[in-house]
PDB file of N, CA and C in Angstrom:
ATOM      1  N   MET A   1     -19.251 -11.123 -48.796  1.00  0.00           N
ATOM      2  CA  MET A   1     -18.732  -9.919 -49.234  1.00  0.00           C
ATOM      3  C   MET A   1     -18.967  -8.860 -48.235  1.00  0.00           C
ATOM      4  N   PRO A   2     -17.865  -8.107 -47.859  1.00  0.00           N
ATOM      5  CA  PRO A   2     -18.295  -7.061 -46.787  1.00  0.00           C
ATOM      6  C   PRO A   2     -19.008  -5.867 -47.367  1.00  0.00           C
ATOM      7  N   ILE A   3     -19.835  -5.325 -46.456  1.00  0.00           N
ATOM      8  CA  ILE A   3     -20.668  -4.141 -46.742  1.00  0.00           C
ATOM      9  C   ILE A   3     -19.961  -2.965 -46.249  1.00  0.00           C
ATOM     10  N   ILE A   4     -19.927  -1.888 -47.026  1.00  0.00           N
ATOM     11  CA  ILE A   4     -19.519  -0.574 -46.601  1.00  0.00           C
ATOM     12  C   ILE A   4     -20.618   0.400 -46.590  1.00  0.00           C
ATOM     13  N   LYS A   5     -20.886   0.954 -45.477  1.00  0.00           N
ATOM     14  CA  LYS A   5     -21.927   1.973 -45.292  1.00  0.00           C
ATOM     15  C   LYS A   5     -21.251   3.380 -45.263  1.00  0.00           C
ATOM     16  N   ILE A   6     -21.672   4.288 -46.212  1.00  0.00           N
ATOM     17  CA  ILE A   6     -21.007   5.504 -46.229  1.00  0.00           C
ATOM     18  C   ILE A   6     -22.054   6.543 -45.779  1.00  0.00           C
ATOM     19  N   LEU A   7     -21.650   7.264 -44.697  1.00  0.00           N
ATOM     20  CA  LEU A   7     -22.474   8.259 -44.086  1.00  0.00           C
ATOM     21  C   LEU A   7     -22.642   9.420 -45.058  1.00  0.00           C
ATOM     22  N   PRO A   8     -23.824  10.177 -45.044  1.00  0.00           N
ATOM     23  CA  PRO A   8     -24.087  11.280 -45.952  1.00  0.00           C
ATOM     24  C   PRO A   8     -22.940  12.242 -46.056  1.00  0.00           C
ATOM     25  N   HIS A   9     -22.561  12.596 -47.190  1.00  0.00           N
ATOM     26  CA  HIS A   9     -21.492  13.603 -47.536  1.00  0.00           C
ATOM     27  C   HIS A   9     -22.161  14.440 -48.633  1.00  0.00           C
ATOM     28  N   PRO A  10     -22.024  15.788 -48.609  1.00  0.00           N
ATOM     29  CA  PRO A  10     -22.704  16.735 -49.564  1.00  0.00           C
ATOM     30  C   PRO A  10     -22.204  16.373 -50.944  1.00  0.00           C
ATOM     31  N   GLU A  11     -21.101  16.052 -51.211  1.00  0.00           N
ATOM     32  CA  GLU A  11     -20.535  15.866 -52.577  1.00  0.00           C
ATOM     33  C   GLU A  11     -20.534  14.478 -53.034  1.00  0.00           C
ATOM     34  N   TYR A  12     -19.960  13.586 -52.148  1.00  0.00           N
ATOM     35  CA  TYR A  12     -19.675  12.186 -52.651  1.00  0.00           C
ATOM     36  C   TYR A  12     -20.884  11.163 -52.418  1.00  0.00           C
ATOM     37  N   ALA A  13     -21.716  11.433 -51.319  1.00  0.00           N
ATOM     38  CA  ALA A  13     -22.832  10.605 -51.133  1.00  0.00           C
ATOM     39  C   ALA A  13     -23.978  11.399 -50.401  1.00  0.00           C
ATOM     40  N   PRO A  14     -24.681  12.219 -51.060  1.00  0.00           N
ATOM     41  CA  PRO A  14     -25.516  13.195 -50.382  1.00  0.00           C
ATOM     42  C   PRO A  14     -26.605  12.511 -49.478  1.00  0.00           C
ATOM     43  N   GLU A  15     -27.023  11.400 -49.849  1.00  0.00           N
ATOM     44  CA  GLU A  15     -27.980  10.605 -49.061  1.00  0.00           C
ATOM     45  C   GLU A  15     -27.267   9.461 -48.358  1.00  0.00           C
ATOM     46  N   GLY A  16     -26.074   9.346 -48.397  1.00  0.00           N
ATOM     47  CA  GLY A  16     -25.351   8.111 -47.901  1.00  0.00           C
ATOM     48  C   GLY A  16     -25.444   7.035 -48.979  1.00  0.00           C
ATOM     49  N   ARG A  17     -24.588   6.005 -48.709  1.00  0.00           N
ATOM     50  CA  ARG A  17     -24.633   4.852 -49.701  1.00  0.00           C
ATOM     51  C   ARG A  17     -24.225   3.594 -48.877  1.00  0.00           C
ATOM     52  N   THR A  18     -24.728   2.556 -49.418  1.00  0.00           N
ATOM     53  CA  THR A  18     -24.383   1.251 -48.949  1.00  0.00           C
ATOM     54  C   THR A  18     -23.905   0.452 -50.195  1.00  0.00           C
ATOM     55  N   LEU A  19     -22.658  -0.091 -50.063  1.00  0.00           N
ATOM     56  CA  LEU A  19     -22.121  -1.006 -51.118  1.00  0.00           C
ATOM     57  C   LEU A  19     -21.435  -2.133 -50.691  1.00  0.00           C
ATOM     58  N   GLU A  20     -21.131  -3.043 -51.572  1.00  0.00           N
ATOM     59  CA  GLU A  20     -20.366  -4.338 -51.244  1.00  0.00           C
ATOM     60  C   GLU A  20     -19.094  -4.242 -52.048  1.00  0.00           C
ATOM     61  N   ALA A  21     -18.104  -4.991 -51.482  1.00  0.00           N
ATOM     62  CA  ALA A  21     -16.785  -5.128 -51.992  1.00  0.00           C
ATOM     63  C   ALA A  21     -16.110  -6.337 -51.553  1.00  0.00           C
ATOM     64  N   PRO A  22     -15.266  -6.905 -52.394  1.00  0.00           N
ATOM     65  CA  PRO A  22     -14.682  -8.149 -51.972  1.00  0.00           C
ATOM     66  C   PRO A  22     -13.663  -7.852 -50.789  1.00  0.00           C
ATOM     67  N   ALA A  23     -13.568  -8.874 -49.874  1.00  0.00           N
ATOM     68  CA  ALA A  23     -12.482  -8.804 -48.788  1.00  0.00           C
ATOM     69  C   ALA A  23     -11.199  -8.768 -49.556  1.00  0.00           C
ATOM     70  N   GLY A  24     -10.259  -7.996 -48.963  1.00  0.00           N
ATOM     71  CA  GLY A  24      -9.039  -7.825 -49.608  1.00  0.00           C
ATOM     72  C   GLY A  24      -8.873  -6.486 -50.390  1.00  0.00           C
ATOM     73  N   THR A  25     -10.007  -5.915 -50.569  1.00  0.00           N
ATOM     74  CA  THR A  25     -10.023  -4.662 -51.322  1.00  0.00           C
ATOM     75  C   THR A  25      -9.783  -3.473 -50.383  1.00  0.00           C
ATOM     76  N   THR A  26      -9.175  -2.417 -50.709  1.00  0.00           N
ATOM     77  CA  THR A  26      -9.048  -1.214 -49.892  1.00  0.00           C
ATOM     78  C   THR A  26     -10.348  -0.478 -49.969  1.00  0.00           C
ATOM     79  N   ILE A  27     -10.701   0.305 -48.944  1.00  0.00           N
ATOM     80  CA  ILE A  27     -11.832   1.175 -48.871  1.00  0.00           C
ATOM     81  C   ILE A  27     -11.858   2.060 -50.080  1.00  0.00           C
ATOM     82  N   CYS A  28     -10.780   2.648 -50.456  1.00  0.00           N
ATOM     83  CA  CYS A  28     -10.726   3.628 -51.568  1.00  0.00           C
ATOM     84  C   CYS A  28     -11.002   2.807 -52.866  1.00  0.00           C
ATOM     85  N   GLU A  29     -10.483   1.701 -53.082  1.00  0.00           N
ATOM     86  CA  GLU A  29     -10.773   0.877 -54.311  1.00  0.00           C
ATOM     87  C   GLU A  29     -12.315   0.561 -54.458  1.00  0.00           C
ATOM     88  N   ALA A  30     -12.899   0.261 -53.163  1.00  0.00           N
ATOM     89  CA  ALA A  30     -14.314  -0.160 -53.214  1.00  0.00           C
ATOM     90  C   ALA A  30     -15.137   1.120 -53.446  1.00  0.00           C
ATOM     91  N   LEU A  31     -14.788   2.217 -52.894  1.00  0.00           N
ATOM     92  CA  LEU A  31     -15.632   3.464 -53.319  1.00  0.00           C
ATOM     93  C   LEU A  31     -15.533   3.817 -54.682  1.00  0.00           C
ATOM     94  N   LEU A  32     -14.323   3.834 -55.232  1.00  0.00           N
ATOM     95  CA  LEU A  32     -14.117   4.215 -56.637  1.00  0.00           C
ATOM     96  C   LEU A  32     -14.796   3.218 -57.599  1.00  0.00           C
ATOM     97  N   ASP A  33     -14.693   1.956 -57.247  1.00  0.00           N
ATOM     98  CA  ASP A  33     -15.294   0.888 -58.080  1.00  0.00           C
ATOM     99  C   ASP A  33     -16.871   1.015 -58.109  1.00  0.00           C
ATOM    100  N   ASN A  34     -17.397   1.631 -57.097  1.00  0.00           N
ATOM    101  CA  ASN A  34     -18.890   1.861 -56.944  1.00  0.00           C
ATOM    102  C   ASN A  34     -19.351   3.148 -57.240  1.00  0.00           C
ATOM    103  N   GLY A  35     -18.537   4.050 -57.935  1.00  0.00           N
ATOM    104  CA  GLY A  35     -18.916   5.365 -58.356  1.00  0.00           C
ATOM    105  C   GLY A  35     -18.833   6.441 -57.366  1.00  0.00           C
ATOM    106  N   VAL A  36     -18.253   6.189 -56.081  1.00  0.00           N
ATOM    107  CA  VAL A  36     -18.115   7.207 -55.063  1.00  0.00           C
ATOM    108  C   VAL A  36     -16.700   7.833 -55.379  1.00  0.00           C
ATOM    109  N   GLU A  37     -16.569   8.984 -56.008  1.00  0.00           N
ATOM    110  CA  GLU A  37     -15.320   9.562 -56.371  1.00  0.00           C
ATOM    111  C   GLU A  37     -14.503  10.242 -55.530  1.00  0.00           C
ATOM    112  N   ILE A  38     -14.138   9.537 -54.444  1.00  0.00           N
ATOM    113  CA  ILE A  38     -13.368  10.098 -53.381  1.00  0.00           C
ATOM    114  C   ILE A  38     -11.987  10.512 -53.835  1.00  0.00           C
ATOM    115  N   GLU A  39     -11.422  11.654 -53.387  1.00  0.00           N
ATOM    116  CA  GLU A  39     -10.222  12.169 -53.791  1.00  0.00           C
ATOM    117  C   GLU A  39      -9.087  11.159 -53.578  1.00  0.00           C
ATOM    118  N   HIS A  40      -8.129  11.152 -54.422  1.00  0.00           N
ATOM    119  CA  HIS A  40      -6.935  10.174 -54.154  1.00  0.00           C
ATOM    120  C   HIS A  40      -5.810  10.713 -55.006  1.00  0.00           C
ATOM    121  N   ALA A  41      -5.343  11.916 -54.614  1.00  0.00           N
ATOM    122  CA  ALA A  41      -4.327  12.629 -55.424  1.00  0.00           C
ATOM    123  C   ALA A  41      -3.054  11.850 -55.668  1.00  0.00           C
ATOM    124  N   CYS A  42      -2.664  11.067 -54.831  1.00  0.00           N
ATOM    125  CA  CYS A  42      -1.403  10.390 -54.970  1.00  0.00           C
ATOM    126  C   CYS A  42      -1.558   9.040 -55.718  1.00  0.00           C
ATOM    127  N   ASP A  43      -2.715   8.778 -56.314  1.00  0.00           N
ATOM    128  CA  ASP A  43      -3.064   7.440 -56.951  1.00  0.00           C
ATOM    129  C   ASP A  43      -2.867   6.319 -56.055  1.00  0.00           C
ATOM    130  N   GLN A  44      -3.214   6.451 -54.683  1.00  0.00           N
ATOM    131  CA  GLN A  44      -3.414   5.436 -53.759  1.00  0.00           C
ATOM    132  C   GLN A  44      -2.006   4.760 -53.378  1.00  0.00           C
ATOM    133  N   VAL A  45      -0.981   5.607 -53.209  1.00  0.00           N
ATOM    134  CA  VAL A  45       0.260   5.034 -52.745  1.00  0.00           C
ATOM    135  C   VAL A  45       0.804   5.621 -51.366  1.00  0.00           C
ATOM    136  N   CYS A  46      -0.205   6.100 -50.658  1.00  0.00           N
ATOM    137  CA  CYS A  46       0.076   6.550 -49.156  1.00  0.00           C
ATOM    138  C   CYS A  46       1.084   7.712 -49.168  1.00  0.00           C
ATOM    139  N   ALA A  47       0.863   8.603 -50.198  1.00  0.00           N
ATOM    140  CA  ALA A  47       1.804   9.877 -50.255  1.00  0.00           C
ATOM    141  C   ALA A  47       0.952  11.072 -50.053  1.00  0.00           C
ATOM    142  N   CYS A  48      -0.325  11.076 -49.662  1.00  0.00           N
ATOM    143  CA  CYS A  48      -1.080  12.271 -49.396  1.00  0.00           C
ATOM    144  C   CYS A  48      -2.193  11.885 -48.386  1.00  0.00           C
ATOM    145  N   THR A  49      -3.033  12.728 -48.070  1.00  0.00           N
ATOM    146  CA  THR A  49      -4.152  12.429 -47.175  1.00  0.00           C
ATOM    147  C   THR A  49      -5.503  12.757 -47.692  1.00  0.00           C
ATOM    148  N   THR A  50      -5.617  12.907 -49.113  1.00  0.00           N
ATOM    149  CA  THR A  50      -6.886  13.342 -49.754  1.00  0.00           C
ATOM    150  C   THR A  50      -7.960  12.275 -49.686  1.00  0.00           C
ATOM    151  N   CYS A  51      -7.578  10.939 -49.300  1.00  0.00           N
ATOM    152  CA  CYS A  51      -8.524   9.893 -49.281  1.00  0.00           C
ATOM    153  C   CYS A  51      -8.851   9.466 -47.787  1.00  0.00           C
ATOM    154  N   HIS A  52      -8.539  10.398 -46.939  1.00  0.00           N
ATOM    155  CA  HIS A  52      -8.782  10.236 -45.426  1.00  0.00           C
ATOM    156  C   HIS A  52     -10.268   9.921 -45.213  1.00  0.00           C
ATOM    157  N   VAL A  53     -10.551   8.962 -44.394  1.00  0.00           N
ATOM    158  CA  VAL A  53     -11.939   8.603 -43.906  1.00  0.00           C
ATOM    159  C   VAL A  53     -11.862   8.310 -42.354  1.00  0.00           C
ATOM    160  N   ILE A  54     -13.064   8.538 -41.750  1.00  0.00           N
ATOM    161  CA  ILE A  54     -13.136   8.156 -40.401  1.00  0.00           C
ATOM    162  C   ILE A  54     -14.035   6.956 -40.339  1.00  0.00           C
ATOM    163  N   VAL A  55     -13.498   5.837 -39.717  1.00  0.00           N
ATOM    164  CA  VAL A  55     -14.198   4.630 -39.680  1.00  0.00           C
ATOM    165  C   VAL A  55     -15.050   4.684 -38.360  1.00  0.00           C
ATOM    166  N   ARG A  56     -16.343   4.720 -38.567  1.00  0.00           N
ATOM    167  CA  ARG A  56     -17.244   4.810 -37.424  1.00  0.00           C
ATOM    168  C   ARG A  56     -17.611   3.437 -36.853  1.00  0.00           C
ATOM    169  N   GLU A  57     -17.602   2.428 -37.655  1.00  0.00           N
ATOM    170  CA  GLU A  57     -18.019   1.082 -37.252  1.00  0.00           C
ATOM    171  C   GLU A  57     -17.001   0.076 -37.956  1.00  0.00           C
ATOM    172  N   GLY A  58     -16.466  -0.901 -37.305  1.00  0.00           N
ATOM    173  CA  GLY A  58     -15.630  -1.843 -38.044  1.00  0.00           C
ATOM    174  C   GLY A  58     -14.214  -1.589 -38.016  1.00  0.00           C
ATOM    175  N   PHE A  59     -13.707  -0.565 -37.329  1.00  0.00           N
ATOM    176  CA  PHE A  59     -12.294  -0.138 -37.408  1.00  0.00           C
ATOM    177  C   PHE A  59     -11.428  -1.286 -37.185  1.00  0.00           C
ATOM    178  N   SER A  60     -11.586  -2.040 -36.154  1.00  0.00           N
ATOM    179  CA  SER A  60     -10.667  -3.108 -35.767  1.00  0.00           C
ATOM    180  C   SER A  60     -10.579  -4.271 -36.701  1.00  0.00           C
ATOM    181  N   SER A  61     -11.611  -4.317 -37.634  1.00  0.00           N
ATOM    182  CA  SER A  61     -11.611  -5.418 -38.565  1.00  0.00           C
ATOM    183  C   SER A  61     -10.692  -5.144 -39.816  1.00  0.00           C
ATOM    184  N   LEU A  62     -10.258  -3.909 -39.878  1.00  0.00           N
ATOM    185  CA  LEU A  62      -9.400  -3.568 -41.049  1.00  0.00           C
ATOM    186  C   LEU A  62      -7.957  -3.883 -40.949  1.00  0.00           C
ATOM    187  N   SER A  63      -7.243  -3.966 -41.978  1.00  0.00           N
ATOM    188  CA  SER A  63      -5.807  -4.303 -41.922  1.00  0.00           C
ATOM    189  C   SER A  63      -5.085  -3.363 -40.929  1.00  0.00           C
ATOM    190  N   GLU A  64      -4.053  -3.880 -40.419  1.00  0.00           N
ATOM    191  CA  GLU A  64      -3.239  -3.006 -39.400  1.00  0.00           C
ATOM    192  C   GLU A  64      -2.552  -1.872 -40.128  1.00  0.00           C
ATOM    193  N   MET A  65      -2.591  -0.714 -39.354  1.00  0.00           N
ATOM    194  CA  MET A  65      -2.048   0.562 -39.939  1.00  0.00           C
ATOM    195  C   MET A  65      -0.464   0.403 -39.805  1.00  0.00           C
ATOM    196  N   GLU A  66       0.161   0.752 -40.882  1.00  0.00           N
ATOM    197  CA  GLU A  66       1.642   0.732 -40.956  1.00  0.00           C
ATOM    198  C   GLU A  66       2.081   2.133 -40.641  1.00  0.00           C
ATOM    199  N   GLU A  67       3.480   2.243 -40.291  1.00  0.00           N
ATOM    200  CA  GLU A  67       4.003   3.505 -39.824  1.00  0.00           C
ATOM    201  C   GLU A  67       3.808   4.610 -40.908  1.00  0.00           C
ATOM    202  N   ASN A  68       4.029   4.282 -42.148  1.00  0.00           N
ATOM    203  CA  ASN A  68       3.959   5.282 -43.082  1.00  0.00           C
ATOM    204  C   ASN A  68       2.508   6.012 -43.150  1.00  0.00           C
ATOM    205  N   GLU A  69       1.550   5.171 -43.038  1.00  0.00           N
ATOM    206  CA  GLU A  69       0.139   5.685 -42.925  1.00  0.00           C
ATOM    207  C   GLU A  69      -0.059   6.619 -41.686  1.00  0.00           C
ATOM    208  N   GLU A  70       0.546   6.060 -40.569  1.00  0.00           N
ATOM    209  CA  GLU A  70       0.402   6.814 -39.371  1.00  0.00           C
ATOM    210  C   GLU A  70       1.022   8.282 -39.541  1.00  0.00           C
ATOM    211  N   ASP A  71       2.208   8.313 -40.108  1.00  0.00           N
ATOM    212  CA  ASP A  71       2.886   9.522 -40.416  1.00  0.00           C
ATOM    213  C   ASP A  71       2.070  10.516 -41.382  1.00  0.00           C
ATOM    214  N   MET A  72       1.528   9.929 -42.413  1.00  0.00           N
ATOM    215  CA  MET A  72       0.688  10.759 -43.260  1.00  0.00           C
ATOM    216  C   MET A  72      -0.562  11.256 -42.609  1.00  0.00           C
ATOM    217  N   LEU A  73      -1.229  10.436 -41.795  1.00  0.00           N
ATOM    218  CA  LEU A  73      -2.459  10.876 -41.171  1.00  0.00           C
ATOM    219  C   LEU A  73      -2.294  12.020 -40.214  1.00  0.00           C
ATOM    220  N   ASP A  74      -1.092  12.200 -39.678  1.00  0.00           N
ATOM    221  CA  ASP A  74      -0.758  13.403 -38.855  1.00  0.00           C
ATOM    222  C   ASP A  74      -1.071  14.634 -39.666  1.00  0.00           C
ATOM    223  N   ARG A  75      -1.078  14.667 -40.959  1.00  0.00           N
ATOM    224  CA  ARG A  75      -1.319  15.828 -41.695  1.00  0.00           C
ATOM    225  C   ARG A  75      -2.865  16.006 -42.132  1.00  0.00           C
ATOM    226  N   ALA A  76      -3.621  15.049 -41.886  1.00  0.00           N
ATOM    227  CA  ALA A  76      -5.044  15.026 -42.353  1.00  0.00           C
ATOM    228  C   ALA A  76      -5.909  16.103 -41.657  1.00  0.00           C
ATOM    229  N   TRP A  77      -6.758  16.709 -42.390  1.00  0.00           N
ATOM    230  CA  TRP A  77      -7.696  17.571 -41.791  1.00  0.00           C
ATOM    231  C   TRP A  77      -8.826  16.692 -40.995  1.00  0.00           C
ATOM    232  N   GLY A  78      -9.017  17.229 -39.783  1.00  0.00           N
ATOM    233  CA  GLY A  78     -10.090  16.571 -39.011  1.00  0.00           C
ATOM    234  C   GLY A  78      -9.750  15.174 -38.489  1.00  0.00           C
ATOM    235  N   LEU A  79      -8.490  14.969 -38.177  1.00  0.00           N
ATOM    236  CA  LEU A  79      -7.958  13.635 -37.712  1.00  0.00           C
ATOM    237  C   LEU A  79      -8.666  13.225 -36.392  1.00  0.00           C
ATOM    238  N   GLU A  80      -9.121  12.023 -36.397  1.00  0.00           N
ATOM    239  CA  GLU A  80      -9.731  11.425 -35.211  1.00  0.00           C
ATOM    240  C   GLU A  80      -9.090  10.054 -34.946  1.00  0.00           C
ATOM    241  N   PRO A  81      -9.423   9.493 -33.707  1.00  0.00           N
ATOM    242  CA  PRO A  81      -8.753   8.192 -33.336  1.00  0.00           C
ATOM    243  C   PRO A  81      -9.025   7.046 -34.335  1.00  0.00           C
ATOM    244  N   HIS A  82     -10.118   7.110 -34.975  1.00  0.00           N
ATOM    245  CA  HIS A  82     -10.466   6.072 -35.895  1.00  0.00           C
ATOM    246  C   HIS A  82     -10.304   6.536 -37.330  1.00  0.00           C
ATOM    247  N   SER A  83      -9.361   7.441 -37.639  1.00  0.00           N
ATOM    248  CA  SER A  83      -9.012   7.862 -39.014  1.00  0.00           C
ATOM    249  C   SER A  83      -8.205   6.786 -39.632  1.00  0.00           C
ATOM    250  N   ARG A  84      -8.390   6.696 -41.018  1.00  0.00           N
ATOM    251  CA  ARG A  84      -7.585   5.810 -41.808  1.00  0.00           C
ATOM    252  C   ARG A  84      -7.417   6.558 -43.183  1.00  0.00           C
ATOM    253  N   LEU A  85      -6.420   6.198 -43.881  1.00  0.00           N
ATOM    254  CA  LEU A  85      -6.272   6.627 -45.334  1.00  0.00           C
ATOM    255  C   LEU A  85      -6.979   5.431 -45.965  1.00  0.00           C
ATOM    256  N   SER A  86      -8.021   5.833 -46.772  1.00  0.00           N
ATOM    257  CA  SER A  86      -8.864   4.669 -47.424  1.00  0.00           C
ATOM    258  C   SER A  86      -8.069   3.840 -48.342  1.00  0.00           C
ATOM    259  N   CYS A  87      -6.935   4.407 -48.915  1.00  0.00           N
ATOM    260  CA  CYS A  87      -6.110   3.657 -49.865  1.00  0.00           C
ATOM    261  C   CYS A  87      -5.309   2.591 -49.150  1.00  0.00           C
ATOM    262  N   GLN A  88      -5.233   2.535 -47.868  1.00  0.00           N
ATOM    263  CA  GLN A  88      -4.370   1.632 -47.073  1.00  0.00           C
ATOM    264  C   GLN A  88      -5.220   0.761 -46.204  1.00  0.00           C
ATOM    265  N   ALA A  89      -6.500   1.032 -46.024  1.00  0.00           N
ATOM    266  CA  ALA A  89      -7.370   0.207 -45.127  1.00  0.00           C
ATOM    267  C   ALA A  89      -7.969  -0.995 -45.900  1.00  0.00           C
ATOM    268  N   ILE A  90      -7.530  -2.118 -45.724  1.00  0.00           N
ATOM    269  CA  ILE A  90      -8.008  -3.305 -46.426  1.00  0.00           C
ATOM    270  C   ILE A  90      -9.123  -3.897 -45.623  1.00  0.00           C
ATOM    271  N   LEU A  91     -10.209  -4.204 -46.429  1.00  0.00           N
ATOM    272  CA  LEU A  91     -11.400  -4.811 -45.736  1.00  0.00           C
ATOM    273  C   LEU A  91     -11.299  -6.231 -45.570  1.00  0.00           C
ATOM    274  N   SER A  92     -11.923  -6.636 -44.427  1.00  0.00           N
ATOM    275  CA  SER A  92     -11.972  -8.181 -44.086  1.00  0.00           C
ATOM    276  C   SER A  92     -13.441  -8.489 -44.528  1.00  0.00           C
ATOM    277  N   ASN A  93     -14.036  -9.424 -43.805  1.00  0.00           N
ATOM    278  CA  ASN A  93     -15.422  -9.833 -44.103  1.00  0.00           C
ATOM    279  C   ASN A  93     -16.374  -9.087 -43.165  1.00  0.00           C
ATOM    280  N   THR A  94     -15.925  -8.210 -42.393  1.00  0.00           N
ATOM    281  CA  THR A  94     -16.813  -7.466 -41.466  1.00  0.00           C
ATOM    282  C   THR A  94     -17.356  -6.234 -41.988  1.00  0.00           C
ATOM    283  N   PRO A  95     -18.508  -5.858 -41.938  1.00  0.00           N
ATOM    284  CA  PRO A  95     -19.139  -4.586 -42.384  1.00  0.00           C
ATOM    285  C   PRO A  95     -18.429  -3.364 -41.701  1.00  0.00           C
ATOM    286  N   VAL A  96     -18.190  -2.336 -42.486  1.00  0.00           N
ATOM    287  CA  VAL A  96     -17.739  -1.134 -41.915  1.00  0.00           C
ATOM    288  C   VAL A  96     -18.610   0.072 -42.270  1.00  0.00           C
ATOM    289  N   THR A  97     -18.590   1.078 -41.426  1.00  0.00           N
ATOM    290  CA  THR A  97     -19.290   2.340 -41.702  1.00  0.00           C
ATOM    291  C   THR A  97     -18.216   3.479 -41.683  1.00  0.00           C
ATOM    292  N   VAL A  98     -18.199   4.218 -42.776  1.00  0.00           N
ATOM    293  CA  VAL A  98     -17.221   5.288 -42.913  1.00  0.00           C
ATOM    294  C   VAL A  98     -17.858   6.623 -43.174  1.00  0.00           C
ATOM    295  N   GLU A  99     -17.188   7.633 -42.665  1.00  0.00           N
ATOM    296  CA  GLU A  99     -17.559   9.093 -42.883  1.00  0.00           C
ATOM    297  C   GLU A  99     -16.387   9.690 -43.668  1.00  0.00           C
ATOM    298  N   ILE A 100     -16.650  10.310 -44.796  1.00  0.00           N
ATOM    299  CA  ILE A 100     -15.702  11.067 -45.553  1.00  0.00           C
ATOM    300  C   ILE A 100     -15.844  12.482 -45.024  1.00  0.00           C
ATOM    301  N   PRO A 101     -14.649  12.994 -44.458  1.00  0.00           N
ATOM    302  CA  PRO A 101     -14.562  14.375 -43.847  1.00  0.00           C
ATOM    303  C   PRO A 101     -14.985  15.339 -44.970  1.00  0.00           C
ATOM    304  N   LYS A 102     -15.537  16.392 -44.469  1.00  0.00           N
ATOM    305  CA  LYS A 102     -16.103  17.528 -45.334  1.00  0.00           C
ATOM    306  C   LYS A 102     -14.918  18.197 -46.126  1.00  0.00           C
ATOM    307  N   TYR A 103     -13.727  18.218 -45.548  1.00  0.00           N
ATOM    308  CA  TYR A 103     -12.534  18.965 -46.104  1.00  0.00           C
ATOM    309  C   TYR A 103     -11.416  18.060 -46.223  1.00  0.00           C
ATOM    310  N   SER A 104     -10.508  18.382 -47.092  1.00  0.00           N
ATOM    311  CA  SER A 104      -9.273  17.823 -47.208  1.00  0.00           C
ATOM    312  C   SER A 104      -8.245  18.848 -47.227  1.00  0.00           C
ATOM    313  N   ILE A 105      -6.866  18.511 -47.098  1.00  0.00           N
ATOM    314  CA  ILE A 105      -5.837  19.614 -47.223  1.00  0.00           C
ATOM    315  C   ILE A 105      -5.514  19.807 -48.686  1.00  0.00           C
ATOM    316  N   ASN A 106      -6.178  19.228 -49.622  1.00  0.00           N
ATOM    317  CA  ASN A 106      -6.024  19.476 -51.095  1.00  0.00           C
ATOM    318  C   ASN A 106      -6.605  20.825 -51.440  1.00  0.00           C
ATOM    319  N   HIS A 107      -5.839  21.730 -52.021  1.00  0.00           N
ATOM    320  CA  HIS A 107      -6.343  23.042 -52.383  1.00  0.00           C
ATOM    321  C   HIS A 107      -7.061  23.011 -53.753  1.00  0.00           C
ATOM    322  N   ALA A 108      -6.883  22.002 -54.562  1.00  0.00           N
ATOM    323  CA  ALA A 108      -7.579  21.880 -55.791  1.00  0.00           C
ATOM    324  C   ALA A 108      -7.987  20.487 -55.998  1.00  0.00           C
ATOM    325  N   LYS A 109      -9.140  20.189 -56.562  1.00  0.00           N
ATOM    326  CA  LYS A 109      -9.585  18.875 -56.764  1.00  0.00           C
ATOM    327  C   LYS A 109      -8.883  18.236 -57.989  1.00  0.00           C
ATOM    328  N   GLU A 110      -8.537  17.029 -57.846  1.00  0.00           N
ATOM    329  CA  GLU A 110      -7.938  16.331 -58.919  1.00  0.00           C
ATOM    330  C   GLU A 110      -9.080  15.777 -59.829  1.00  0.00           C
ATOM    331  N   ASN A 111      -8.824  15.484 -61.150  1.00  0.00           N
ATOM    332  CA  ASN A 111      -9.780  14.955 -61.997  1.00  0.00           C
ATOM    333  C   ASN A 111      -9.361  13.473 -62.232  1.00  0.00           C
ATOM    334  N   HIS A 112      -9.904  12.559 -61.355  1.00  0.00           N
ATOM    335  CA  HIS A 112      -9.488  11.147 -61.522  1.00  0.00           C
ATOM    336  C   HIS A 112     -10.627  10.360 -62.079  1.00  0.00           C
TER     337      HIS A 112
END
């Protein structure tokens, strides 16, 4: 089972977190299933950028990015070369390290 290391984030993981999730799971699903309440305003259908993460390690092990995700990421706050929408990034058996950006383009938090 792949391991996801979450770098410290003041709201979602103040001290960082390490969790496990089955291969074939999206990063967003893995975070939510383990109590990390990352924003996902579009209910994980690749229609917003609120679940944006930066993959610090293991980027190349994730599923390939599709054009729709690339287009959406252009709108993400703090876009970096290893940015992904966590609802689209599917885990393999390789460990990954992710950083949840401090901000998103969402003006109000959703209650999911």
